[in-house]
N, C-alpha and C. Protein backbone atom coordinates (compact mmCIF):
# COMPACT_ATOMS: atom_id res chain seq x y z
N MET A 1 7.82 50.55 48.73
CA MET A 1 6.73 51.29 48.18
C MET A 1 6.80 51.58 46.89
N ARG A 2 8.27 51.33 46.22
CA ARG A 2 8.38 51.62 44.55
C ARG A 2 7.36 51.15 43.65
N ASP A 3 6.80 49.86 43.71
CA ASP A 3 5.75 49.69 42.85
C ASP A 3 4.27 50.58 43.38
N SER A 4 4.47 51.41 44.10
CA SER A 4 2.98 52.32 44.42
C SER A 4 3.23 53.39 43.23
N PHE A 5 4.24 53.78 42.70
CA PHE A 5 4.19 54.83 41.51
C PHE A 5 3.88 54.34 40.00
N VAL A 6 3.75 52.82 40.00
CA VAL A 6 3.33 52.16 38.58
C VAL A 6 1.92 52.93 38.02
N VAL A 7 1.15 53.08 38.92
CA VAL A 7 -0.23 53.27 38.26
C VAL A 7 -0.74 54.65 38.98
N PRO A 8 -1.58 55.44 38.24
CA PRO A 8 -2.05 56.80 39.06
C PRO A 8 -3.26 55.76 40.12
N PHE A 9 -3.17 56.66 41.15
CA PHE A 9 -4.58 56.31 42.02
C PHE A 9 -5.28 57.79 42.14
N THR A 10 -6.50 57.75 42.31
CA THR A 10 -7.38 58.65 42.70
C THR A 10 -7.43 59.05 44.41
N ILE A 11 -7.15 60.50 44.27
CA ILE A 11 -7.50 60.89 45.93
C ILE A 11 -8.63 61.01 46.46
N ILE A 12 -8.96 60.45 47.52
CA ILE A 12 -9.94 60.44 48.21
C ILE A 12 -10.49 61.65 49.07
N LYS A 13 -9.22 61.89 49.77
CA LYS A 13 -9.40 62.90 50.36
C LYS A 13 -8.09 63.64 51.28
N LEU A 14 -7.69 64.53 51.57
CA LEU A 14 -6.78 64.97 52.36
C LEU A 14 -6.80 65.01 53.84
N VAL A 15 -5.97 64.07 54.19
CA VAL A 15 -5.96 63.66 55.66
C VAL A 15 -5.29 64.76 56.57
N GLU A 16 -5.65 65.81 57.40
CA GLU A 16 -4.91 66.69 57.98
C GLU A 16 -4.19 67.70 56.84
N LYS A 17 -2.77 68.23 56.99
CA LYS A 17 -2.38 69.02 56.22
C LYS A 17 -0.94 68.23 55.16
N ASN A 18 -0.78 67.05 55.98
CA ASN A 18 0.58 66.43 55.43
C ASN A 18 0.06 64.87 55.00
N ALA A 19 -0.93 64.56 54.66
CA ALA A 19 -1.11 63.31 54.08
C ALA A 19 -2.62 63.31 53.59
N VAL A 20 -2.56 62.16 52.62
CA VAL A 20 -3.66 61.95 51.59
C VAL A 20 -4.08 60.58 51.53
N GLU A 21 -5.45 60.25 51.44
CA GLU A 21 -5.92 59.02 51.46
C GLU A 21 -6.13 58.73 50.03
N PHE A 22 -5.77 57.71 49.23
CA PHE A 22 -5.75 56.74 48.10
C PHE A 22 -7.13 56.07 48.15
N LYS A 23 -7.46 56.00 46.77
CA LYS A 23 -8.58 54.70 46.28
C LYS A 23 -7.31 53.86 45.64
N LEU A 24 -6.89 52.73 46.45
CA LEU A 24 -6.41 51.53 45.81
C LEU A 24 -6.62 50.58 44.90
N THR A 25 -6.08 50.22 44.17
CA THR A 25 -6.74 49.07 43.10
C THR A 25 -6.53 47.84 43.99
N LYS A 26 -6.82 46.38 43.58
CA LYS A 26 -6.88 45.45 44.08
C LYS A 26 -5.43 44.83 44.49
N GLU A 27 -4.51 45.03 43.34
CA GLU A 27 -3.28 44.57 43.71
C GLU A 27 -2.55 45.07 44.97
N PHE A 28 -2.88 46.45 45.24
CA PHE A 28 -2.38 47.19 46.27
C PHE A 28 -3.32 46.96 47.43
N SER A 29 -4.12 46.17 47.41
CA SER A 29 -5.43 46.09 48.77
C SER A 29 -4.47 45.84 49.91
N ARG A 30 -3.31 45.25 49.95
CA ARG A 30 -2.78 44.94 51.26
C ARG A 30 -1.73 46.33 51.99
N LYS A 31 -1.86 47.30 51.10
CA LYS A 31 -1.06 48.40 51.35
C LYS A 31 -2.13 49.50 52.15
N HIS A 32 -1.62 50.20 53.02
CA HIS A 32 -2.30 51.22 53.74
C HIS A 32 -2.78 52.31 52.84
N PRO A 33 -4.01 52.72 52.93
CA PRO A 33 -4.20 53.84 51.60
C PRO A 33 -3.79 55.35 52.04
N ILE A 34 -3.35 55.45 53.14
CA ILE A 34 -2.82 57.01 53.51
C ILE A 34 -1.44 57.19 53.32
N PHE A 35 -1.05 58.13 52.55
CA PHE A 35 0.58 58.39 52.46
C PHE A 35 0.80 59.58 52.63
N PRO A 36 1.98 59.81 53.14
CA PRO A 36 2.43 61.58 53.31
C PRO A 36 2.48 62.30 52.04
N VAL A 37 2.25 63.51 52.31
CA VAL A 37 2.08 64.39 50.71
C VAL A 37 3.45 64.22 50.08
N SER A 38 4.46 64.33 50.89
CA SER A 38 5.92 64.38 50.26
C SER A 38 5.89 63.20 49.09
N LEU A 39 5.34 62.12 49.48
CA LEU A 39 5.57 60.90 48.32
C LEU A 39 4.64 61.07 47.40
N VAL A 40 3.63 61.92 47.45
CA VAL A 40 2.68 62.24 46.27
C VAL A 40 3.41 62.68 44.93
N LYS A 41 3.13 62.09 43.71
CA LYS A 41 3.77 62.94 42.70
C LYS A 41 2.49 63.23 41.48
N PRO A 42 2.55 64.45 41.06
CA PRO A 42 1.70 64.37 39.78
C PRO A 42 1.81 63.33 38.75
N TYR A 43 0.47 62.85 38.17
CA TYR A 43 0.58 61.77 37.05
C TYR A 43 0.68 62.60 35.85
N LEU A 44 1.50 62.44 34.90
CA LEU A 44 1.65 62.68 33.56
C LEU A 44 1.37 61.48 32.60
N GLN A 45 0.40 61.89 31.65
CA GLN A 45 0.02 61.14 30.72
C GLN A 45 1.36 60.84 29.63
N THR A 46 1.37 59.68 29.17
CA THR A 46 2.33 59.12 28.45
C THR A 46 1.59 59.41 26.92
N GLU A 47 2.38 59.67 25.89
CA GLU A 47 1.60 59.36 24.49
C GLU A 47 0.83 58.20 24.39
N GLU A 48 1.22 57.01 24.75
CA GLU A 48 0.46 55.82 24.60
C GLU A 48 -1.01 56.24 25.30
N ASP A 49 -0.92 56.65 26.45
CA ASP A 49 -2.18 57.10 27.30
C ASP A 49 -3.10 57.91 26.71
N LYS A 50 -2.60 59.10 25.79
CA LYS A 50 -3.41 59.72 25.20
C LYS A 50 -4.09 59.19 23.84
N PHE A 51 -2.99 58.68 23.15
CA PHE A 51 -3.47 58.33 21.86
C PHE A 51 -3.54 56.68 21.56
N PRO A 52 -4.36 56.19 22.41
CA PRO A 52 -4.13 54.42 22.48
C PRO A 52 -3.97 54.09 21.03
N SER A 53 -4.86 54.32 20.09
CA SER A 53 -4.89 53.90 18.85
C SER A 53 -3.60 54.18 17.94
N ARG A 54 -2.82 54.97 17.92
CA ARG A 54 -1.69 55.70 17.45
C ARG A 54 -0.72 53.96 17.50
N LYS A 55 -0.28 53.52 16.21
CA LYS A 55 0.63 52.64 16.45
C LYS A 55 2.07 53.30 16.66
N ASN A 56 3.12 52.43 17.14
CA ASN A 56 4.37 52.93 17.29
C ASN A 56 4.97 53.08 16.12
N PRO A 57 6.11 53.83 15.89
CA PRO A 57 6.65 54.24 14.45
C PRO A 57 7.68 52.90 14.31
N PRO A 58 7.95 52.29 13.31
CA PRO A 58 9.02 51.52 12.93
C PRO A 58 10.45 51.83 13.18
N PRO A 59 11.12 51.00 13.89
CA PRO A 59 12.53 51.17 14.18
C PRO A 59 13.45 52.06 13.06
N PRO A 60 14.34 52.87 13.63
CA PRO A 60 15.03 53.62 12.81
C PRO A 60 15.82 52.76 11.71
N GLU A 61 16.29 52.99 10.89
CA GLU A 61 17.01 52.28 9.54
C GLU A 61 18.12 52.26 9.72
N ILE A 62 19.00 50.92 9.91
CA ILE A 62 20.21 50.58 10.19
C ILE A 62 20.97 51.44 9.23
N VAL A 63 21.98 51.95 9.46
CA VAL A 63 22.92 52.61 8.38
C VAL A 63 24.32 51.78 8.61
N VAL A 64 24.44 50.95 7.47
CA VAL A 64 25.51 50.47 7.40
C VAL A 64 26.97 50.96 6.48
N VAL A 65 27.93 51.53 7.45
CA VAL A 65 29.02 52.23 7.04
C VAL A 65 30.02 51.08 6.13
N GLU A 66 30.13 51.71 5.09
CA GLU A 66 31.08 50.66 4.12
C GLU A 66 32.54 51.17 4.21
N ALA A 67 33.67 50.20 3.93
CA ALA A 67 34.90 50.64 4.25
C ALA A 67 35.10 51.68 3.34
N SER A 68 36.11 52.25 4.01
CA SER A 68 36.37 53.80 2.91
C SER A 68 37.26 53.25 1.90
N PRO A 69 37.22 53.95 0.94
CA PRO A 69 37.88 53.73 -0.61
C PRO A 69 39.27 54.27 -0.38
N GLY A 70 39.74 54.88 0.60
CA GLY A 70 41.14 55.46 0.81
C GLY A 70 40.86 56.65 1.39
N PRO A 71 42.39 57.07 1.55
CA PRO A 71 42.20 58.50 2.10
C PRO A 71 41.50 59.64 1.80
N VAL A 72 40.91 60.64 2.82
CA VAL A 72 40.33 61.55 2.12
C VAL A 72 40.87 62.49 1.64
N LYS A 73 40.57 63.10 0.46
CA LYS A 73 41.25 64.21 -0.37
C LYS A 73 40.87 65.43 0.42
N LYS A 74 39.21 65.67 0.53
CA LYS A 74 38.69 67.08 1.07
C LYS A 74 37.19 66.70 1.25
N ILE A 75 36.90 67.63 2.52
CA ILE A 75 35.68 67.65 2.85
C ILE A 75 34.99 68.54 2.01
N ILE A 76 33.84 68.42 1.25
CA ILE A 76 32.99 68.84 0.33
C ILE A 76 31.98 69.75 0.89
N LYS A 77 31.22 69.14 1.80
CA LYS A 77 30.22 69.62 2.79
C LYS A 77 30.15 68.91 3.86
N ALA A 78 29.61 69.55 4.83
CA ALA A 78 29.14 69.29 6.28
C ALA A 78 28.07 69.81 6.82
N ARG A 79 27.22 69.01 7.52
CA ARG A 79 26.08 69.34 8.15
C ARG A 79 26.00 68.61 9.69
N LYS A 80 25.21 69.46 10.60
CA LYS A 80 24.61 68.95 11.77
C LYS A 80 23.24 68.33 11.70
N ILE A 81 23.00 67.08 12.27
CA ILE A 81 21.81 66.56 12.19
C ILE A 81 21.38 66.02 13.75
N ARG A 82 19.96 65.64 14.01
CA ARG A 82 19.58 65.46 15.20
C ARG A 82 19.47 63.83 14.76
N LEU A 83 19.82 62.89 15.48
CA LEU A 83 19.46 61.55 15.28
C LEU A 83 19.54 60.86 16.86
N ASN A 84 18.38 60.29 16.86
CA ASN A 84 18.09 59.51 18.24
C ASN A 84 18.44 60.35 19.52
N SER A 85 17.76 61.68 19.88
CA SER A 85 18.02 63.02 20.31
C SER A 85 19.58 63.16 20.57
N ARG A 86 20.37 63.10 19.64
CA ARG A 86 21.68 63.26 19.83
C ARG A 86 22.08 64.11 18.75
N ASP A 87 23.20 64.94 18.67
CA ASP A 87 23.76 66.05 17.43
C ASP A 87 24.63 65.07 16.96
N GLN A 88 24.76 64.94 15.51
CA GLN A 88 25.77 64.14 14.77
C GLN A 88 25.92 64.95 13.27
N ARG A 89 27.29 64.74 13.09
CA ARG A 89 27.48 65.63 12.03
C ARG A 89 28.00 64.32 10.87
N GLN A 90 27.60 64.99 9.54
CA GLN A 90 27.91 64.22 8.45
C GLN A 90 28.65 64.79 7.69
N TYR A 91 29.35 64.45 6.81
CA TYR A 91 30.42 64.85 5.83
C TYR A 91 30.46 64.12 4.46
N LEU A 92 30.35 64.97 3.84
CA LEU A 92 30.22 64.52 2.02
C LEU A 92 32.02 64.80 1.69
N VAL A 93 32.59 63.64 1.34
CA VAL A 93 33.88 63.78 1.02
C VAL A 93 33.98 63.24 -0.01
N ARG A 94 35.28 63.51 -0.37
CA ARG A 94 35.96 63.00 -2.05
C ARG A 94 37.25 62.42 -1.56
N PHE A 95 37.30 61.18 -1.84
CA PHE A 95 38.69 60.38 -1.62
C PHE A 95 39.60 60.52 -2.79
N LYS A 96 41.01 60.47 -2.32
CA LYS A 96 42.17 60.57 -3.42
C LYS A 96 41.72 59.58 -4.32
N ASN A 97 42.12 59.74 -5.47
CA ASN A 97 42.26 58.92 -6.86
C ASN A 97 40.63 58.52 -6.96
N GLN A 98 39.60 59.48 -6.64
CA GLN A 98 38.49 59.07 -6.93
C GLN A 98 37.61 60.24 -7.75
N THR A 99 36.80 60.20 -8.63
CA THR A 99 36.03 61.22 -9.35
C THR A 99 34.82 61.79 -8.57
N ALA A 100 34.35 62.97 -8.93
CA ALA A 100 33.22 63.49 -8.32
C ALA A 100 31.93 62.82 -8.16
N ASN A 101 31.83 61.67 -8.94
CA ASN A 101 30.43 60.98 -8.97
C ASN A 101 30.65 60.02 -7.76
N LYS A 102 31.63 59.67 -7.30
CA LYS A 102 31.90 58.86 -6.27
C LYS A 102 32.11 59.16 -4.98
N ASP A 103 31.90 60.51 -4.83
CA ASP A 103 31.64 61.26 -3.45
C ASP A 103 30.71 60.77 -2.42
N LYS A 104 31.10 60.48 -1.37
CA LYS A 104 30.31 60.04 -0.67
C LYS A 104 30.22 60.74 1.00
């Protein structure tokens, strides 16, 4: 029955208190159209369903981390950002034997 949750189906009628009759599509024609209410889930539209002409955003930019030029002398700034649904910290650091214009 797992494939039954693939597409939304139209409810034809409520059969008794604990069963629902659905209008099934052709690919599900061999299944019985009456299901227990406990298996029924509400259909939630996805962004693609709501806005079919909207194009997907380009994939995120790949950040290449360079090899560090040596040990860190001090952390100048720190910030927390949200990237790919996760909190991440970024640091602006000064390396030993480096000038301020080479801060990364």
